Amino acid sequence: MTTTTAADVKKPESCQGCGFTIKDGRKLRCGFDYFQIPAPERRTPKLTSFPEVAHEHVCEKWSSIGASVLKPPIDLVQTKKVETIYYLPGHGGLISTGLGQALLDRGFDVTGRETVGAFKALGFQSQAQTIATDLREFFWQEDARVIANSFGAYLFLHAQALLGEPYIGKVTLLSPILGEFAKDDEERPMNFVPPYAEKLFDLAKSGAFPVPLNVEIHTGSEDWQSYANAIAFGEMLGIKVHVVEGAGHGLPKGYVANLLDQWIN
C-alpha cells in the first residue's frame, strides 16, 4: 500500500515541483544559485551546504527545468579550464552523492545528467540526444573525462551512437547496462530489459558502432545485469573489460576508490 500525505502532493509551482530542487532523503534543498554557474566553472559543494526548503514553498525563481542542466559559459571562447568530470549516475541517482561525492572529495568538479525530474520526463531518446549534445558542446576534448554507472552507461553508449563518430575523451563505464548481448547466459539470466535493448548489439555486430577512442569497462563477475553482456560487448568491439571477482552490480567501494585515485596519480 502506498500512502500519500499532503506534503507529498506536488503543487505546480512549489519547491517540490521545481527543477532546481535537490532531494536529500525526505528533505528538499535549493540548488538555484549553483545552477546559475556555467558548467565548466561549477564545483559542487556537499549536499548539506544547499539551503533546505519546504515542500510547499513558492518563489519567483521556480522553474520546471533546472537540476543537472548544463548551462553554457558566458564566454565560449575564453573559459577557465578546470578538471570537470562528466558523470552519469545510475537510474534515479544524483551527481552530488555517492560516486559524485567521491569525485568531489578528490578535488574534481562534477557535472552531468540525472534521471530524475525534468530530465527523466524527456523520454529515453531525448535523454540520449541531450547527453550527446552535452558531450559535443562542453566535453569534446582529449583530456575530458566521462564516468558512467549502470543505466547511466547505457545512456552514454546510446548518445555515442547518436554522435556518429568516436568520442575523443577518456570514458570509464562501471557495471554498464548494455541491452541484450549474451542471451544464452544461463548462470546470469537477463531479467531487466532496457529501452532499445538490441540497438547496441545490432550496431556492434554490423561494425557501425563508433567506439570511443579511450574507453574501459569495469564489471562484477556476479553481476547478472552487466557481466555477460559486458564481456560480449567488449569482445565484439575490442574494449578492455576489467572483471571484479565476486562482485555484483554495485562494485566494492574500495575498488572504485582505488580507480579514482589512479586518475589523480
Protein backbone atom coordinates (compact mmCIF):
# COMPACT_ATOMS: atom_id res chain seq x y z
CA MET A 1 0.00 0.00 0.00
CA THR A 2 1.23 3.48 -0.88
CA THR A 3 0.25 6.31 1.44
CA THR A 4 0.34 9.92 0.23
CA THR A 5 0.27 12.81 2.68
CA ALA A 6 -0.46 16.45 1.92
CA ALA A 7 3.27 17.18 1.81
CA ASP A 8 3.67 14.56 -0.92
CA VAL A 9 1.27 16.26 -3.33
CA LYS A 10 3.21 18.37 -5.81
CA LYS A 11 1.98 21.92 -6.21
CA PRO A 12 2.64 23.13 -9.77
CA GLU A 13 4.93 25.98 -8.74
CA SER A 14 6.18 24.89 -5.32
CA CYS A 15 9.66 23.71 -4.41
CA GLN A 16 8.54 20.10 -4.71
CA GLY A 17 7.91 20.60 -8.43
CA CYS A 18 10.87 22.87 -9.14
CA GLY A 19 13.70 21.77 -11.41
CA PHE A 20 16.28 23.48 -9.19
CA THR A 21 15.33 21.33 -6.20
CA ILE A 22 17.82 18.76 -4.92
CA LYS A 23 16.46 15.79 -2.98
CA ASP A 24 18.16 14.86 0.31
CA GLY A 25 16.22 11.91 1.61
CA ARG A 26 12.81 13.34 2.53
CA LYS A 27 14.22 16.86 2.64
CA LEU A 28 14.38 19.31 -0.24
CA ARG A 29 17.28 21.70 -0.85
CA CYS A 30 17.52 24.63 -3.24
CA GLY A 31 20.17 24.47 -5.96
CA PHE A 32 19.18 27.66 -7.79
CA ASP A 33 22.38 29.63 -7.13
CA TYR A 34 24.57 26.63 -8.01
CA PHE A 35 22.88 26.00 -11.36
CA GLN A 36 23.38 29.63 -12.43
CA ILE A 37 27.13 28.99 -12.60
CA PRO A 38 28.43 28.00 -16.08
CA ALA A 39 29.00 24.23 -16.20
CA PRO A 40 32.82 24.31 -16.66
CA GLU A 41 33.15 26.54 -13.58
CA ARG A 42 30.98 24.56 -11.17
CA ARG A 43 32.35 22.93 -8.04
CA THR A 44 29.57 21.03 -6.34
CA PRO A 45 29.69 21.51 -2.55
CA LYS A 46 28.48 18.94 -0.09
CA LEU A 47 24.74 18.32 -0.14
CA THR A 48 24.26 19.84 3.31
CA SER A 49 25.55 23.20 2.09
CA PHE A 50 22.45 23.73 -0.06
CA PRO A 51 19.70 25.57 1.87
CA GLU A 52 16.78 23.43 3.00
CA VAL A 53 13.36 24.50 1.70
CA ALA A 54 9.79 23.50 2.48
CA HIS A 55 7.94 21.26 0.04
CA GLU A 56 5.12 23.79 -0.36
CA HIS A 57 7.33 26.89 -0.55
CA VAL A 58 6.80 29.11 -3.61
CA CYS A 59 9.17 31.74 -5.00
CA GLU A 60 9.81 33.72 -8.19
CA LYS A 61 12.81 31.51 -9.08
CA TRP A 62 10.62 28.47 -9.77
CA SER A 63 11.30 26.60 -13.00
CA SER A 64 10.23 23.24 -14.37
CA ILE A 65 13.77 22.80 -15.75
CA GLY A 66 16.89 23.32 -13.69
CA ALA A 67 18.55 20.47 -11.84
CA SER A 68 21.50 18.84 -13.62
CA VAL A 69 21.04 21.03 -16.71
CA LEU A 70 24.31 22.23 -18.21
CA LYS A 71 24.45 25.94 -18.85
CA PRO A 72 26.89 27.29 -21.46
CA PRO A 73 29.59 29.65 -20.22
CA ILE A 74 29.11 33.36 -20.83
CA ASP A 75 32.24 33.47 -22.98
CA LEU A 76 32.62 30.28 -25.02
CA VAL A 77 35.99 31.38 -26.38
CA GLN A 78 37.77 32.30 -23.18
CA THR A 79 36.74 29.97 -20.38
CA LYS A 80 38.67 28.88 -17.35
CA LYS A 81 39.97 25.36 -17.87
CA VAL A 82 39.18 23.19 -14.87
CA GLU A 83 39.19 19.46 -14.19
CA THR A 84 35.50 18.74 -14.65
CA ILE A 85 34.14 15.20 -14.73
CA TYR A 86 31.00 14.50 -16.73
CA TYR A 87 29.16 11.95 -14.60
CA LEU A 88 26.10 9.89 -15.48
CA PRO A 89 24.83 8.04 -12.38
CA GLY A 90 22.56 5.04 -12.40
CA HIS A 91 18.79 5.36 -12.80
CA GLY A 92 17.49 7.75 -10.15
CA GLY A 93 20.98 8.53 -8.86
CA LEU A 94 22.31 12.04 -8.16
CA ILE A 95 25.58 13.59 -9.29
CA SER A 96 26.12 15.13 -5.84
CA THR A 97 26.07 11.90 -3.80
CA GLY A 98 27.83 8.52 -3.83
CA LEU A 99 30.37 8.36 -6.61
CA GLY A 100 29.80 12.05 -7.33
CA GLN A 101 30.77 12.94 -3.77
CA ALA A 102 33.82 10.67 -4.03
CA LEU A 103 34.95 12.65 -7.09
CA LEU A 104 34.39 15.93 -5.26
CA ASP A 105 36.45 14.68 -2.31
CA ARG A 106 39.35 14.14 -4.72
CA GLY A 107 39.23 17.69 -5.99
CA PHE A 108 37.34 17.15 -9.23
CA ASP A 109 34.46 19.30 -10.43
CA VAL A 110 31.39 17.23 -11.24
CA THR A 111 28.53 17.87 -13.63
CA GLY A 112 26.26 15.62 -15.66
CA ARG A 113 22.71 14.37 -16.05
CA GLU A 114 20.43 12.66 -13.53
CA THR A 115 17.42 10.53 -14.45
CA VAL A 116 15.17 12.47 -12.10
CA GLY A 117 12.76 15.36 -12.51
CA ALA A 118 12.55 17.15 -15.85
CA PHE A 119 15.35 15.13 -17.46
CA LYS A 120 13.66 11.84 -16.58
CA ALA A 121 10.44 13.12 -18.14
CA LEU A 122 12.14 13.67 -21.50
CA GLY A 123 11.98 10.03 -22.52
CA PHE A 124 14.90 7.79 -23.45
CA GLN A 125 15.67 9.03 -26.96
CA SER A 126 15.62 12.68 -25.90
CA GLN A 127 17.80 11.87 -22.90
CA ALA A 128 20.41 10.24 -25.15
CA GLN A 129 20.28 13.17 -27.56
CA THR A 130 20.71 15.66 -24.71
CA ILE A 131 23.79 13.80 -23.47
CA ALA A 132 25.22 13.68 -27.00
CA THR A 133 24.78 17.46 -27.21
CA ASP A 134 26.44 17.93 -23.81
CA LEU A 135 29.46 15.93 -24.92
CA ARG A 136 29.76 17.70 -28.25
CA GLU A 137 29.38 21.22 -26.88
CA PHE A 138 31.10 21.02 -23.50
CA PHE A 139 33.39 17.97 -23.31
CA TRP A 140 34.78 17.38 -26.78
CA GLN A 141 38.49 17.32 -25.95
CA GLU A 142 41.05 14.56 -25.45
CA ASP A 143 41.65 15.35 -21.77
CA ALA A 144 37.93 15.32 -20.91
CA ARG A 145 36.76 12.60 -18.52
CA VAL A 146 33.43 10.81 -18.53
CA ILE A 147 32.35 8.28 -15.94
CA ALA A 148 29.02 6.49 -16.19
CA ASN A 149 27.44 3.94 -13.90
CA SER A 150 24.84 1.26 -14.67
CA PHE A 151 21.93 2.81 -16.61
CA GLY A 152 23.99 6.00 -16.99
CA ALA A 153 26.48 3.97 -19.04
CA TYR A 154 23.62 2.71 -21.22
CA LEU A 155 22.57 6.30 -21.87
CA PHE A 156 26.17 7.25 -22.69
CA LEU A 157 26.55 4.46 -25.23
CA HIS A 158 23.32 5.40 -26.97
CA ALA A 159 24.49 9.03 -27.00
CA GLN A 160 27.78 7.82 -28.50
CA ALA A 161 25.83 6.06 -31.24
CA LEU A 162 23.97 9.29 -32.00
CA LEU A 163 27.23 11.25 -32.22
CA GLY A 164 28.23 9.15 -35.21
CA GLU A 165 31.97 9.38 -34.52
CA PRO A 166 34.16 8.10 -31.67
CA TYR A 167 34.16 10.24 -28.55
CA ILE A 168 37.71 11.54 -28.02
CA GLY A 169 37.83 11.88 -24.22
CA LYS A 170 38.52 9.24 -21.58
CA VAL A 171 35.50 7.10 -20.67
CA THR A 172 35.04 4.76 -17.71
CA LEU A 173 31.93 2.58 -17.59
CA LEU A 174 31.05 0.95 -14.27
CA SER A 175 28.65 -2.02 -14.25
CA PRO A 176 27.18 -0.87 -17.56
CA ILE A 177 23.71 -1.85 -18.70
CA LEU A 178 24.14 -2.86 -22.35
CA GLY A 179 20.88 -4.38 -23.51
CA GLU A 180 20.81 -7.92 -24.85
CA PHE A 181 24.09 -9.46 -25.96
CA ALA A 182 24.64 -12.72 -24.09
CA LYS A 183 21.08 -14.06 -24.23
CA ASP A 184 22.20 -17.63 -23.60
CA ASP A 185 23.91 -16.94 -20.27
CA GLU A 186 22.10 -19.45 -18.04
CA GLU A 187 24.09 -18.59 -14.90
CA ARG A 188 23.17 -14.90 -15.07
CA PRO A 189 19.88 -14.58 -16.99
CA MET A 190 18.93 -11.06 -18.06
CA ASN A 191 15.79 -10.19 -16.10
CA PHE A 192 15.86 -6.47 -16.91
CA VAL A 193 15.31 -5.28 -20.47
CA PRO A 194 16.04 -1.57 -21.06
CA PRO A 195 14.64 0.58 -23.91
CA TYR A 196 16.01 -0.30 -27.36
CA ALA A 197 17.64 -3.38 -25.85
CA GLU A 198 19.04 -4.76 -29.12
CA LYS A 199 20.24 -1.50 -30.70
CA LEU A 200 23.80 -1.59 -29.34
CA PHE A 201 24.13 -5.26 -30.28
CA ASP A 202 22.94 -4.60 -33.82
CA LEU A 203 25.34 -1.67 -34.25
CA ALA A 204 28.26 -3.63 -32.82
CA LYS A 205 27.50 -6.70 -34.96
CA SER A 206 27.34 -4.63 -38.14
CA GLY A 207 30.51 -2.72 -37.30
CA ALA A 208 28.56 0.55 -37.22
CA PHE A 209 29.07 1.43 -33.56
CA PRO A 210 31.58 4.32 -33.15
CA VAL A 211 33.78 3.03 -30.31
CA PRO A 212 35.15 5.80 -28.05
CA LEU A 213 38.88 6.26 -28.52
CA ASN A 214 39.71 5.71 -24.84
CA VAL A 215 37.17 3.56 -23.02
CA GLU A 216 37.25 0.80 -20.42
CA ILE A 217 34.60 -1.25 -18.66
CA HIS A 218 34.54 -2.49 -15.06
CA THR A 219 32.01 -5.14 -14.06
CA GLY A 220 31.50 -7.70 -11.29
CA SER A 221 31.69 -11.42 -12.03
CA GLU A 222 28.35 -11.97 -10.27
CA ASP A 223 26.54 -9.05 -11.86
CA TRP A 224 23.53 -10.51 -13.71
CA GLN A 225 22.68 -7.11 -15.18
CA SER A 226 26.08 -6.40 -16.70
CA TYR A 227 28.75 -9.12 -16.64
CA ALA A 228 27.87 -11.41 -19.55
CA ASN A 229 26.79 -8.55 -21.81
CA ALA A 230 29.90 -6.52 -20.95
CA ILE A 231 32.18 -9.42 -21.86
CA ALA A 232 30.38 -9.97 -25.18
CA PHE A 233 30.29 -6.23 -25.95
CA GLY A 234 33.98 -5.84 -25.16
CA GLU A 235 34.99 -8.79 -27.33
CA MET A 236 32.96 -7.55 -30.29
CA LEU A 237 34.40 -4.03 -30.17
CA GLY A 238 37.87 -4.55 -28.71
CA ILE A 239 37.10 -2.76 -25.43
CA LYS A 240 39.08 -3.72 -22.34
CA VAL A 241 36.80 -5.24 -19.68
CA HIS A 242 38.05 -5.42 -16.08
CA VAL A 243 36.26 -8.12 -14.07
CA VAL A 244 35.96 -7.77 -10.31
CA GLU A 245 35.72 -11.32 -8.99
CA GLY A 246 32.85 -11.96 -6.60
CA ALA A 247 31.32 -8.52 -7.07
CA GLY A 248 27.71 -7.84 -8.01
CA HIS A 249 26.16 -4.83 -9.71
CA GLY A 250 27.41 -2.45 -7.05
CA LEU A 251 31.20 -2.61 -7.31
CA PRO A 252 33.08 -2.55 -3.97
CA LYS A 253 33.72 0.98 -2.71
CA GLY A 254 37.40 0.16 -2.19
CA TYR A 255 37.79 -0.91 -5.81
CA VAL A 256 36.11 2.22 -7.13
CA ALA A 257 38.07 4.42 -4.73
CA ASN A 258 41.33 2.92 -5.99
CA LEU A 259 40.21 3.52 -9.56
CA LEU A 260 39.55 7.19 -8.84
CA ASP A 261 42.85 7.56 -7.00
CA GLN A 262 44.63 6.31 -10.12
CA TRP A 263 43.16 9.25 -12.02
CA ILE A 264 44.88 11.63 -9.61
CA ASN A 265 48.20 9.81 -9.72
